[in-house]
Amino acid sequence: MEVQKFTASFLDFDTFVSLRRATERPPATHFYQGIIVKTSEKVLASAALYLNADIVLEDKVAGVVGAFEAVDDQEAVSLLFRVIEHIAQELKLDFLIGPMNGSTWESHRFHDNPEQPLFLMEMQHPDYYPELWTKNGFRPIATYYSSESFELQYRDISISENRDRLTREGIHIHPIRLDQYEAELTNLYPFLLNAFASNFLYSPLSETSFKEKYLPLQKYLDADFVLLASREGRIVGVFFCVEDFLDRTQKTLIIKTIARDPDPLYRGLGHVMAAQVYQMAYERGFTRIIHAFLKENGTSTPISNHFFGTPFKTYSLYGKAI
C-alpha cells in the first residue's frame, strides 16, 4: 500500500478531491492536509486533517478528521489513521475529533441505525464506517438523535397564552420572504451566529460561506415552513423546515433549525412557532414531522418532547486522545 499526502494549496487540494470516490466535494475551509492510502489499482481509504482553532473541547488541543471514505479494509484504514495521528502529533495536537468536515456547519457524525432509510440532509455513508473508527481507538464524545411525530393536531392553552403575550410585546411571526431570500439571509446571519455560539464544538462561519451554504436551498423551501420572529425590526427567532423529498411513502416535513433569542422575554417562542408549523403542516397534508439532529440534552429537546417526538435514529461523533 502507498500513502499520498496533499497540502492545502489549490492544486494539491483539487488533486486530493479528484482522487476520492465521493461525489460531494469536501470544504476547503480549515483544510490542512489530505491523506490517501492506495494500491496501484485503486484508492482504499482517504481523509483530511482540518485545523479549526475555534473548536474548543475542554483543555484538549484538537484536530478534526473529515472527508473520510474507505472500502471495508481495516489494514488500510489503520494505516490512514496512523499517518493522520503522526501529522497531528507533529503539530502538537493531543486529540482528534471526527467525522467532521472542518466544523459543525459541515457534514459530521455517523448514523447508528443502518437499517433505517435516510431522510433529506442526512450524511450518507456505508454501514461499516463507525466500526472502522472504533477499531482504531475512537470513542463517542457526543450523541445526537432525530425524533418523529405523527400527531400534527395539537392544542395547548399555554401555547395560546404565550402567543398572546408575545404579540402584546410586539413580537411578529412571519414567513421568510423567498423573493428577497438573499436579503433575509443577510439579516439571519448575525442572529444565527449568536444563537449557535453556545453549541457543542461551535466555530464561527463567514457571511460569504453562510450564504454559499443556504442560497442553494432556496428552490427547495416553502415560505410557510421557514418562520421568522422579529421585534422592532430585529430577528429574535427562527424555525427552518424543509420537506423530505426522499420519503416516497408519506408526506414528511423536517425541522432542521430552531433558534431564539435567550432573553426571558422570548420564553415560549419556540413552542409557539412549532405549533404554527404543526398546524400548517396538517392543513397542507403532511402526516409526519422529523425533528432532525438533536443533541442529547440540547436546547431543542423540550420542543420535540412537547410535540410527541419519539426518537427513532441516533448519531455519534467520535474522538481519540493521541
Protein backbone atom coordinates (compact mmCIF):
# COMPACT_ATOMS: atom_id res chain seq x y z
CA MET A 1 0.00 0.00 0.00
CA GLU A 2 1.11 3.53 -0.80
CA VAL A 3 0.43 6.74 1.14
CA GLN A 4 -0.02 10.07 -0.63
CA LYS A 5 -0.25 13.44 1.12
CA PHE A 6 -1.79 16.62 -0.24
CA THR A 7 -1.31 20.15 1.10
CA ALA A 8 -3.88 22.93 1.21
CA SER A 9 -2.56 24.53 -1.99
CA PHE A 10 -5.23 24.87 -4.65
CA LEU A 11 -3.59 22.33 -6.97
CA ASP A 12 -2.97 19.77 -4.21
CA PHE A 13 -6.47 20.15 -2.77
CA ASP A 14 -8.02 19.74 -6.21
CA THR A 15 -5.96 16.61 -6.84
CA PHE A 16 -6.99 15.15 -3.47
CA VAL A 17 -10.65 15.79 -4.28
CA SER A 18 -10.36 14.26 -7.74
CA LEU A 19 -8.86 11.02 -6.41
CA ARG A 20 -11.67 10.40 -3.94
CA ARG A 21 -14.70 8.35 -4.93
CA ALA A 22 -17.29 10.60 -3.25
CA THR A 23 -19.46 12.89 -5.34
CA GLU A 24 -19.70 15.51 -2.57
CA ARG A 25 -16.81 17.98 -2.62
CA PRO A 26 -15.31 18.47 0.86
CA PRO A 27 -14.88 22.06 2.05
CA ALA A 28 -11.51 23.78 1.70
CA THR A 29 -12.04 25.95 4.79
CA HIS A 30 -9.76 24.78 7.66
CA PHE A 31 -8.24 22.08 5.37
CA TYR A 32 -4.64 21.32 6.40
CA GLN A 33 -3.69 18.07 4.70
CA GLY A 34 -5.32 15.27 2.76
CA ILE A 35 -4.14 11.68 3.02
CA ILE A 36 -4.86 8.82 0.63
CA VAL A 37 -3.97 5.14 1.05
CA LYS A 38 -3.95 3.27 -2.23
CA THR A 39 -2.63 0.36 -4.20
CA SER A 40 -1.60 0.59 -7.82
CA GLU A 41 -5.17 -0.34 -8.75
CA LYS A 42 -7.37 1.78 -6.51
CA VAL A 43 -7.82 4.13 -3.56
CA LEU A 44 -8.56 2.17 -0.37
CA ALA A 45 -9.00 4.95 2.19
CA SER A 46 -8.80 8.72 2.39
CA ALA A 47 -9.37 11.51 4.87
CA ALA A 48 -8.40 15.10 5.58
CA LEU A 49 -6.96 16.68 8.68
CA TYR A 50 -8.66 20.01 9.36
CA LEU A 51 -7.30 22.61 11.76
CA ASN A 52 -10.00 24.80 13.26
CA ALA A 53 -8.65 26.85 16.16
CA ASP A 54 -12.15 27.99 17.15
CA ILE A 55 -13.24 24.48 18.14
CA VAL A 56 -12.85 24.07 21.89
CA LEU A 57 -13.11 20.75 23.71
CA GLU A 58 -12.24 21.14 27.38
CA ASP A 59 -8.45 21.53 27.70
CA LYS A 60 -7.62 19.49 24.59
CA VAL A 61 -5.66 20.72 21.58
CA ALA A 62 -7.80 19.12 18.92
CA GLY A 63 -7.63 18.48 15.22
CA VAL A 64 -10.58 17.44 13.09
CA VAL A 65 -10.75 14.44 10.76
CA GLY A 66 -13.16 14.73 7.86
CA ALA A 67 -13.66 13.90 4.17
CA PHE A 68 -13.39 10.27 5.22
CA GLU A 69 -14.12 7.44 2.83
CA ALA A 70 -12.86 3.88 2.67
CA VAL A 71 -13.50 0.39 1.47
CA ASP A 72 -14.05 -2.14 4.24
CA ASP A 73 -10.33 -2.74 4.76
CA GLN A 74 -9.13 -2.46 8.34
CA GLU A 75 -5.46 -2.59 7.41
CA ALA A 76 -5.76 0.34 5.01
CA VAL A 77 -7.81 2.42 7.45
CA SER A 78 -5.38 1.70 10.31
CA LEU A 79 -2.53 2.94 8.12
CA LEU A 80 -4.56 6.04 7.25
CA PHE A 81 -5.17 6.89 10.91
CA ARG A 82 -1.54 6.21 11.87
CA VAL A 83 -0.42 8.76 9.29
CA ILE A 84 -3.02 11.30 10.44
CA GLU A 85 -2.04 10.83 14.08
CA HIS A 86 1.64 11.27 13.25
CA ILE A 87 0.94 14.54 11.43
CA ALA A 88 -1.28 15.70 14.31
CA GLN A 89 1.38 14.91 16.91
CA GLU A 90 3.97 16.84 14.92
CA LEU A 91 1.58 19.80 15.15
CA LYS A 92 1.39 19.34 18.96
CA LEU A 93 -2.24 18.21 18.84
CA ASP A 94 -3.35 15.75 21.50
CA PHE A 95 -6.87 14.86 20.38
CA LEU A 96 -8.73 14.07 17.17
CA ILE A 97 -12.46 14.65 16.52
CA GLY A 98 -14.50 13.23 13.67
CA PRO A 99 -16.05 12.64 11.34
CA MET A 100 -16.34 16.36 10.70
CA ASN A 101 -15.56 18.33 7.57
CA GLY A 102 -13.84 21.14 9.40
CA SER A 103 -16.70 22.47 11.51
CA THR A 104 -20.20 21.63 12.74
CA TRP A 105 -21.60 23.79 9.92
CA GLU A 106 -20.48 20.98 7.58
CA SER A 107 -21.22 17.25 7.41
CA HIS A 108 -20.37 15.49 10.66
CA ARG A 109 -21.47 12.46 12.75
CA PHE A 110 -22.07 8.87 11.69
CA HIS A 111 -25.57 7.42 11.93
CA ASP A 112 -26.01 4.39 14.20
CA ASN A 113 -29.10 2.86 12.58
CA PRO A 114 -28.15 1.44 9.18
CA GLU A 115 -31.48 -0.38 8.88
CA GLN A 116 -33.36 2.93 8.73
CA PRO A 117 -33.79 4.68 5.36
CA LEU A 118 -32.08 8.05 5.02
CA PHE A 119 -34.02 11.28 5.10
CA LEU A 120 -33.01 14.51 3.38
CA MET A 121 -29.85 16.17 4.78
CA GLU A 122 -28.54 13.04 6.48
CA MET A 123 -24.92 12.19 5.70
CA GLN A 124 -24.79 9.08 3.53
CA HIS A 125 -22.07 6.55 4.34
CA PRO A 126 -21.53 2.78 4.36
CA ASP A 127 -22.74 0.96 7.46
CA TYR A 128 -19.25 -0.26 8.36
CA TYR A 129 -17.71 3.20 8.86
CA PRO A 130 -18.33 3.50 12.63
CA GLU A 131 -16.67 0.13 13.27
CA LEU A 132 -13.61 1.16 11.25
CA TRP A 133 -13.23 4.14 13.57
CA THR A 134 -13.86 2.33 16.85
CA LYS A 135 -11.37 -0.39 15.90
CA ASN A 136 -8.79 2.38 15.63
CA GLY A 137 -9.42 3.66 19.13
CA PHE A 138 -12.10 6.29 18.53
CA ARG A 139 -14.92 6.53 21.06
CA PRO A 140 -18.17 8.55 21.01
CA ILE A 141 -17.81 12.00 22.57
CA ALA A 142 -21.32 13.23 21.71
CA THR A 143 -24.62 11.61 20.83
CA TYR A 144 -27.39 13.08 18.71
CA TYR A 145 -30.80 11.83 17.68
CA SER A 146 -33.71 12.52 15.37
CA SER A 147 -37.28 12.15 16.57
CA GLU A 148 -40.51 11.77 14.63
CA SER A 149 -44.08 12.76 15.36
CA PHE A 150 -47.30 11.65 13.68
CA GLU A 151 -49.59 13.76 15.90
CA LEU A 152 -49.82 17.00 13.97
CA GLN A 153 -53.04 18.33 15.52
CA TYR A 154 -52.16 19.78 18.88
CA ARG A 155 -53.92 22.04 21.34
CA ASP A 156 -52.33 23.50 24.45
CA ILE A 157 -53.77 26.52 26.25
CA SER A 158 -50.31 27.55 27.45
CA ILE A 159 -49.20 27.99 23.83
CA SER A 160 -52.19 30.25 23.13
CA GLU A 161 -51.40 32.27 26.24
CA ASN A 162 -47.75 32.60 25.23
CA ARG A 163 -48.75 33.62 21.71
CA ASP A 164 -50.98 36.38 23.08
CA ARG A 165 -48.26 37.58 25.46
CA LEU A 166 -45.61 37.64 22.73
CA THR A 167 -47.95 39.55 20.42
CA ARG A 168 -48.53 42.16 23.13
CA GLU A 169 -44.75 42.50 23.45
CA GLY A 170 -44.55 43.38 19.76
CA ILE A 171 -43.19 40.06 18.50
CA HIS A 172 -44.31 39.24 14.97
CA ILE A 173 -44.05 35.73 13.49
CA HIS A 174 -43.99 35.69 9.69
CA PRO A 175 -42.86 33.51 6.76
CA ILE A 176 -39.50 34.17 5.17
CA ARG A 177 -39.63 36.30 2.01
CA LEU A 178 -38.34 33.89 -0.61
CA ASP A 179 -38.47 36.62 -3.27
CA GLN A 180 -35.93 38.52 -1.12
CA TYR A 181 -34.13 35.43 0.10
CA GLU A 182 -30.55 36.73 0.00
CA ALA A 183 -31.55 39.84 1.95
CA GLU A 184 -33.28 37.60 4.50
CA LEU A 185 -30.06 35.57 4.83
CA THR A 186 -28.13 38.78 5.44
CA ASN A 187 -30.45 39.52 8.38
CA LEU A 188 -30.36 35.93 9.60
CA TYR A 189 -26.58 35.62 9.60
CA PRO A 190 -25.70 37.57 12.79
CA PHE A 191 -28.71 36.16 14.64
CA LEU A 192 -27.80 32.53 13.92
CA LEU A 193 -24.13 33.09 14.73
CA ASN A 194 -25.12 34.38 18.17
CA ALA A 195 -27.80 31.73 18.66
CA PHE A 196 -25.40 28.86 17.92
CA ALA A 197 -22.45 30.30 19.86
CA SER A 198 -23.11 28.07 22.88
CA ASN A 199 -23.47 24.88 20.82
CA PHE A 200 -21.07 21.99 21.32
CA LEU A 201 -17.87 22.47 19.27
CA TYR A 202 -19.17 25.73 17.80
CA SER A 203 -16.99 27.78 15.48
CA PRO A 204 -17.99 30.92 13.57
CA LEU A 205 -18.65 30.99 9.83
CA SER A 206 -18.06 33.87 7.45
CA GLU A 207 -21.11 35.54 5.94
CA THR A 208 -19.93 34.53 2.47
CA SER A 209 -19.68 30.86 3.47
CA PHE A 210 -23.03 31.07 5.25
CA LYS A 211 -24.72 32.28 2.09
CA GLU A 212 -22.94 29.69 -0.03
CA LYS A 213 -24.47 27.02 2.18
CA TYR A 214 -28.01 28.39 2.36
CA LEU A 215 -28.59 30.02 -1.04
CA PRO A 216 -28.84 26.66 -2.90
CA LEU A 217 -31.68 25.64 -0.55
CA GLN A 218 -33.96 28.40 -1.83
CA LYS A 219 -35.54 26.29 -4.59
CA TYR A 220 -36.50 23.59 -2.07
CA LEU A 221 -38.10 25.87 0.51
CA ASP A 222 -41.73 26.63 1.21
CA ALA A 223 -42.14 30.01 2.91
CA ASP A 224 -44.89 28.65 5.20
CA PHE A 225 -42.31 26.37 6.81
CA VAL A 226 -39.47 28.86 7.28
CA LEU A 227 -40.75 31.14 10.02
CA LEU A 228 -39.02 34.21 11.39
CA ALA A 229 -39.92 36.02 14.58
CA SER A 230 -38.99 39.67 14.81
CA ARG A 231 -39.35 42.55 17.24
CA GLU A 232 -38.66 46.16 16.33
CA GLY A 233 -37.12 45.02 13.06
CA ARG A 234 -34.69 42.59 14.70
CA ILE A 235 -34.87 38.80 14.27
CA VAL A 236 -35.40 37.04 17.61
CA GLY A 237 -36.41 33.55 16.46
CA VAL A 238 -36.27 31.16 13.51
CA PHE A 239 -37.92 27.87 12.61
CA PHE A 240 -36.33 26.40 9.47
CA CYS A 241 -38.07 23.39 7.90
CA VAL A 242 -37.88 21.60 4.56
CA GLU A 243 -39.90 18.80 3.02
CA ASP A 244 -38.26 15.37 2.95
CA PHE A 245 -38.21 14.77 -0.79
CA LEU A 246 -36.58 11.37 -0.23
CA ASP A 247 -39.67 9.99 1.53
CA ARG A 248 -41.84 8.34 -1.12
CA THR A 249 -44.19 6.60 1.32
CA GLN A 250 -45.64 9.59 3.17
CA LYS A 251 -45.52 13.38 3.28
CA THR A 252 -42.81 14.31 5.77
CA LEU A 253 -41.57 17.69 6.99
CA ILE A 254 -38.09 18.05 8.53
CA ILE A 255 -37.42 20.64 11.21
CA LYS A 256 -33.77 21.48 10.59
CA THR A 257 -33.10 24.54 12.74
CA ILE A 258 -34.75 26.01 15.82
CA ALA A 259 -33.29 29.09 17.48
CA ARG A 260 -34.47 32.01 19.59
CA ASP A 261 -33.02 34.95 21.45
CA PRO A 262 -32.18 33.73 25.00
CA ASP A 263 -33.72 36.81 26.64
CA PRO A 264 -36.50 35.67 29.06
CA LEU A 265 -38.87 37.98 27.19
CA TYR A 266 -39.00 35.35 24.42
CA ARG A 267 -39.76 32.39 26.66
CA GLY A 268 -42.18 30.04 24.90
CA LEU A 269 -41.48 31.47 21.45
CA GLY A 270 -40.12 28.16 20.15
CA HIS A 271 -43.27 26.31 21.22
CA VAL A 272 -45.49 28.95 19.62
CA MET A 273 -43.61 28.72 16.33
CA ALA A 274 -43.68 24.93 16.49
CA ALA A 275 -47.44 24.95 16.97
CA GLN A 276 -47.82 27.16 13.90
CA VAL A 277 -45.64 24.83 11.82
CA TYR A 278 -47.56 21.76 13.01
CA GLN A 279 -50.92 23.32 12.20
CA MET A 280 -49.81 24.43 8.75
CA ALA A 281 -48.25 21.01 8.05
CA TYR A 282 -51.52 19.32 8.98
CA GLU A 283 -53.51 21.65 6.72
CA ARG A 284 -51.08 21.01 3.86
CA GLY A 285 -51.43 17.23 4.10
CA PHE A 286 -48.23 16.29 5.90
CA THR A 287 -48.51 13.23 8.12
CA ARG A 288 -45.08 13.11 9.77
CA ILE A 289 -42.66 15.65 11.22
CA ILE A 290 -39.00 14.92 11.94
CA HIS A 291 -37.01 16.92 14.48
CA ALA A 292 -33.54 16.38 13.00
CA PHE A 293 -30.13 16.06 14.66
CA LEU A 294 -30.94 16.99 18.25
CA LYS A 295 -28.06 16.82 20.69
CA GLU A 296 -28.76 14.81 23.82
CA ASN A 297 -29.98 17.28 26.45
CA GLY A 298 -29.78 20.11 23.93
CA THR A 299 -31.93 23.24 23.88
CA SER A 300 -34.36 21.92 21.23
CA THR A 301 -35.13 18.70 23.10
CA PRO A 302 -38.05 20.15 25.16
CA ILE A 303 -39.86 21.25 21.99
CA SER A 304 -39.53 17.81 20.43
CA ASN A 305 -40.76 16.16 23.62
CA HIS A 306 -43.65 18.61 23.96
CA PHE A 307 -44.89 17.76 20.48
CA PHE A 308 -44.78 13.99 20.98
CA GLY A 309 -41.45 13.48 19.23
CA THR A 310 -40.26 9.87 19.53
CA PRO A 311 -36.53 9.20 18.91
CA PHE A 312 -36.02 6.83 16.00
CA LYS A 313 -32.41 7.45 14.92
CA THR A 314 -29.16 8.16 16.72
CA TYR A 315 -25.82 9.53 15.58
CA SER A 316 -22.35 9.62 17.11
CA LEU A 317 -19.40 11.97 16.91
CA TYR A 318 -16.09 10.36 17.84
CA GLY A 319 -12.85 11.39 19.47
CA LYS A 320 -9.47 9.92 20.32
CA ALA A 321 -6.57 11.03 22.52
CA ILE A 322 -3.25 10.79 20.71
